[in-house]
Amino acid sequence: MEELLKYFTTNVTGDKVWIAFLFLAVYYVLKKEPFKVFAHYSEKKEKEHDLAKTLLDSQKLGKEANEFLREHLERHAFRKYYGINADAEMREALIKFHRKHQRKIGWHDIRRAYSNITLSGTKISASLQWHEHLMRWIVTTLCYLVGAYALFVMVYAVLTISSGNTLTLLSLTLAALLLLVTAVIFSSLNWPYHSARKIISVSTE
């Protein structure tokens, strides 16, 4: 790797300069080993949680410190398993709410709609703002338009392009499929909206 780096930095000229920059960028990323950085951060967090467990089990801390550590560990465990960062009251309310309505909603719905969920006393409720309704229809309309255009391109390619021009047919078909996939992915922006609607529906029963 070092020899390649030396070659590129001493022998590239003119139109090959951009290749050198690209190579240097890739080399920099690989040299920094970003995955190891993330792994190190994750390992550090796990060590902190293990230390908190050890301190809690030791019973050498005061009542307030033990309560703080217990809340820290319970919050971490809840976030790890359910993907939601919530305090003790909200966690208890969410668990009861899910247990009561588990046939109609799942934790994925609660997780997606969490920013729309509020806690009043011990009662879970959800709400949607006007701009969220507007955004839902904008996303839906765009997805339908992109999907319709993709199907049009696909039908056009099949009906008008001769069998001898296979490359053009395949290119248009691939482009249409990519547009369809894009529309499906873009539609995922509406998932939190639909989850919030489900929570609103079951919370008012």
Protein backbone atom coordinates (compact mmCIF):
# COMPACT_ATOMS: atom_id res chain seq x y z
CA MET A 1 0.00 0.00 0.00
CA GLU A 2 2.82 2.40 0.87
CA GLU A 3 4.54 1.69 -2.45
CA LEU A 4 1.36 2.37 -4.41
CA LEU A 5 0.92 5.63 -2.56
CA LYS A 6 4.47 6.68 -3.41
CA TYR A 7 3.93 5.79 -7.08
CA PHE A 8 0.77 7.83 -7.42
CA THR A 9 2.19 10.87 -5.67
CA THR A 10 5.34 10.96 -7.82
CA ASN A 11 4.25 9.75 -11.28
CA VAL A 12 0.76 11.13 -11.97
CA THR A 13 0.47 14.12 -14.27
CA GLY A 14 -2.14 16.00 -16.25
CA ASP A 15 -5.38 14.11 -16.78
CA LYS A 16 -4.41 11.47 -14.22
CA VAL A 17 -4.48 13.89 -11.32
CA TRP A 18 -8.11 13.09 -10.48
CA ILE A 19 -7.20 9.39 -10.27
CA ALA A 20 -4.53 10.26 -7.74
CA PHE A 21 -6.98 12.27 -5.65
CA LEU A 22 -9.48 9.39 -5.76
CA PHE A 23 -6.82 6.92 -4.74
CA LEU A 24 -5.63 9.14 -1.90
CA ALA A 25 -9.20 9.52 -0.63
CA VAL A 26 -9.73 5.73 -0.63
CA TYR A 27 -6.33 5.21 0.99
CA TYR A 28 -7.16 7.75 3.71
CA VAL A 29 -10.44 6.05 4.53
CA LEU A 30 -8.83 2.61 4.66
CA LYS A 31 -5.93 3.92 6.71
CA LYS A 32 -8.29 5.37 9.28
CA GLU A 33 -10.15 2.05 9.51
CA PRO A 34 -13.57 3.60 10.26
CA PHE A 35 -15.13 0.28 11.20
CA LYS A 36 -12.57 -0.16 13.94
CA VAL A 37 -13.42 3.33 15.19
CA PHE A 38 -17.10 2.40 15.45
CA ALA A 39 -16.22 -0.93 17.04
CA HIS A 40 -13.99 0.85 19.57
CA TYR A 41 -16.79 3.30 20.43
CA SER A 42 -19.28 0.44 20.85
CA GLU A 43 -16.83 -1.51 22.99
CA LYS A 44 -16.21 1.56 25.13
CA LYS A 45 -19.95 2.01 25.72
CA GLU A 46 -20.33 -1.66 26.68
CA LYS A 47 -17.46 -1.33 29.15
CA GLU A 48 -19.19 1.68 30.70
CA HIS A 49 -22.40 -0.32 31.10
CA ASP A 50 -20.49 -3.28 32.58
CA LEU A 51 -18.86 -0.91 35.07
CA ALA A 52 -22.26 0.51 35.98
CA LYS A 53 -23.59 -3.03 36.58
CA THR A 54 -20.58 -3.85 38.74
CA LEU A 55 -21.01 -0.70 40.84
CA LEU A 56 -24.72 -1.38 41.22
CA ASP A 57 -24.14 -4.97 42.33
CA SER A 58 -21.42 -3.95 44.78
CA GLN A 59 -23.94 -2.07 46.98
CA LYS A 60 -21.12 0.31 47.94
CA LEU A 61 -22.82 3.42 46.60
CA GLY A 62 -25.52 5.52 48.17
CA LYS A 63 -29.23 5.29 47.41
CA GLU A 64 -29.27 8.16 44.93
CA ALA A 65 -26.24 6.82 43.05
CA ASN A 66 -27.80 3.35 42.86
CA GLU A 67 -31.05 4.79 41.51
CA PHE A 68 -29.11 6.80 38.92
CA LEU A 69 -27.18 3.72 37.76
CA ARG A 70 -30.32 1.57 37.67
CA GLU A 71 -32.12 4.16 35.54
CA HIS A 72 -29.10 4.44 33.25
CA LEU A 73 -28.97 0.67 32.68
CA GLU A 74 -32.73 0.27 32.24
CA ARG A 75 -32.83 3.15 29.77
CA HIS A 76 -29.94 1.63 27.82
CA ALA A 77 -31.57 -1.81 27.75
CA PHE A 78 -34.89 -0.36 26.56
CA ARG A 79 -33.16 1.61 23.81
CA LYS A 80 -31.15 -1.44 22.78
CA TYR A 81 -34.12 -3.80 22.47
CA TYR A 82 -36.87 -1.42 21.34
CA GLY A 83 -34.93 1.40 19.69
CA ILE A 84 -36.61 4.04 21.86
CA ASN A 85 -34.87 6.43 24.25
CA ALA A 86 -37.45 7.05 26.98
CA ASP A 87 -37.52 7.83 30.68
CA ALA A 88 -38.95 5.50 33.31
CA GLU A 89 -42.54 6.81 33.20
CA MET A 90 -42.69 6.70 29.42
CA ARG A 91 -41.18 3.21 29.29
CA GLU A 92 -43.75 1.86 31.74
CA ALA A 93 -46.62 3.54 29.85
CA LEU A 94 -45.39 2.26 26.47
CA ILE A 95 -45.09 -1.31 27.76
CA LYS A 96 -48.63 -1.21 29.17
CA PHE A 97 -49.95 0.38 25.98
CA HIS A 98 -48.34 -2.25 23.79
CA ARG A 99 -49.51 -5.08 26.04
CA LYS A 100 -53.08 -3.78 25.78
CA HIS A 101 -53.06 -3.24 21.99
CA GLN A 102 -50.46 -5.77 20.83
CA ARG A 103 -52.90 -7.39 18.38
CA LYS A 104 -53.23 -4.11 16.49
CA ILE A 105 -49.84 -2.41 16.84
CA GLY A 106 -46.25 -3.58 17.17
CA TRP A 107 -43.14 -2.06 18.64
CA HIS A 108 -42.12 -0.99 15.12
CA ASP A 109 -45.22 1.24 15.04
CA ILE A 110 -44.39 2.77 18.42
CA ARG A 111 -40.78 3.29 17.38
CA ARG A 112 -41.70 5.00 14.09
CA ALA A 113 -44.33 7.24 15.66
CA TYR A 114 -42.45 8.00 18.86
CA SER A 115 -41.90 11.67 17.99
CA ASN A 116 -45.70 12.04 17.74
CA ILE A 117 -46.44 10.26 21.03
CA THR A 118 -47.16 12.13 24.23
CA LEU A 119 -47.74 10.98 27.80
CA SER A 120 -50.52 12.58 29.84
CA GLY A 121 -50.44 11.10 33.32
CA THR A 122 -50.29 7.41 32.51
CA LYS A 123 -52.20 7.64 29.22
CA ILE A 124 -50.45 7.32 25.86
CA SER A 125 -51.75 9.41 22.97
CA ALA A 126 -50.50 10.59 19.59
CA SER A 127 -51.18 13.54 17.33
CA LEU A 128 -50.38 14.69 13.79
CA GLN A 129 -49.78 18.25 12.66
CA TRP A 130 -51.20 19.73 9.47
CA HIS A 131 -47.82 19.76 7.74
CA GLU A 132 -47.47 16.02 8.39
CA HIS A 133 -50.78 15.39 6.60
CA LEU A 134 -49.57 17.59 3.75
CA MET A 135 -46.21 15.80 3.54
CA ARG A 136 -47.97 12.44 3.50
CA TRP A 137 -49.97 13.40 0.40
CA ILE A 138 -46.94 14.95 -1.31
CA VAL A 139 -44.90 11.76 -0.79
CA THR A 140 -47.81 9.54 -1.90
CA THR A 141 -48.42 11.62 -5.04
CA LEU A 142 -44.74 11.62 -5.99
CA CYS A 143 -44.49 7.86 -5.46
CA TYR A 144 -47.51 7.22 -7.69
CA LEU A 145 -46.15 9.55 -10.39
CA VAL A 146 -42.70 7.96 -10.34
CA GLY A 147 -44.23 4.47 -10.34
CA ALA A 148 -46.56 5.31 -13.24
CA TYR A 149 -43.69 6.79 -15.24
CA ALA A 150 -41.55 3.72 -14.57
CA LEU A 151 -44.33 1.43 -15.82
CA PHE A 152 -44.78 3.66 -18.89
CA VAL A 153 -41.06 3.43 -19.70
CA MET A 154 -41.15 -0.34 -19.29
CA VAL A 155 -44.21 -0.76 -21.55
CA TYR A 156 -42.75 1.65 -24.10
CA ALA A 157 -39.51 -0.30 -24.20
CA VAL A 158 -41.29 -3.61 -24.72
CA LEU A 159 -43.70 -2.38 -27.40
CA THR A 160 -41.56 -0.03 -29.50
CA ILE A 161 -37.97 -1.25 -29.37
CA SER A 162 -37.09 -3.99 -31.81
CA SER A 163 -35.78 -7.32 -30.62
CA GLY A 164 -32.46 -6.62 -32.30
CA ASN A 165 -31.74 -3.66 -30.06
CA THR A 166 -31.36 -5.70 -26.89
CA LEU A 167 -29.01 -3.26 -25.17
CA THR A 168 -31.48 -0.36 -25.35
CA LEU A 169 -34.32 -2.59 -24.18
CA LEU A 170 -32.34 -3.81 -21.20
CA SER A 171 -31.19 -0.28 -20.34
CA LEU A 172 -34.72 1.14 -20.33
CA THR A 173 -36.04 -1.84 -18.40
CA LEU A 174 -33.30 -1.46 -15.80
CA ALA A 175 -33.97 2.28 -15.53
CA ALA A 176 -37.69 1.57 -15.02
CA LEU A 177 -36.96 -0.99 -12.32
CA LEU A 178 -34.64 1.46 -10.55
CA LEU A 179 -37.39 4.08 -10.64
CA LEU A 180 -39.84 1.59 -9.12
CA VAL A 181 -37.38 0.71 -6.36
CA THR A 182 -36.81 4.43 -5.72
CA ALA A 183 -40.57 4.98 -5.42
CA VAL A 184 -40.88 2.12 -2.93
CA ILE A 185 -37.97 3.42 -0.83
CA PHE A 186 -39.32 6.98 -0.96
CA SER A 187 -42.72 5.73 0.25
CA SER A 188 -41.05 4.64 3.51
CA LEU A 189 -41.12 8.32 4.50
CA ASN A 190 -44.82 7.79 5.18
CA TRP A 191 -44.31 4.89 7.60
CA PRO A 192 -44.15 7.11 10.72
CA TYR A 193 -47.35 8.84 9.58
CA HIS A 194 -49.26 5.58 9.16
CA SER A 195 -47.93 4.25 12.47
CA ALA A 196 -49.07 7.44 14.22
CA ARG A 197 -52.52 7.03 12.65
CA LYS A 198 -52.71 3.49 14.04
CA ILE A 199 -51.72 4.65 17.53
CA ILE A 200 -54.26 7.49 17.40
CA SER A 201 -56.92 4.99 16.38
CA VAL A 202 -56.29 2.47 19.16
CA SER A 203 -55.71 5.11 21.85
CA THR A 204 -59.17 6.59 21.28
CA GLU A 205 -61.01 3.27 21.54
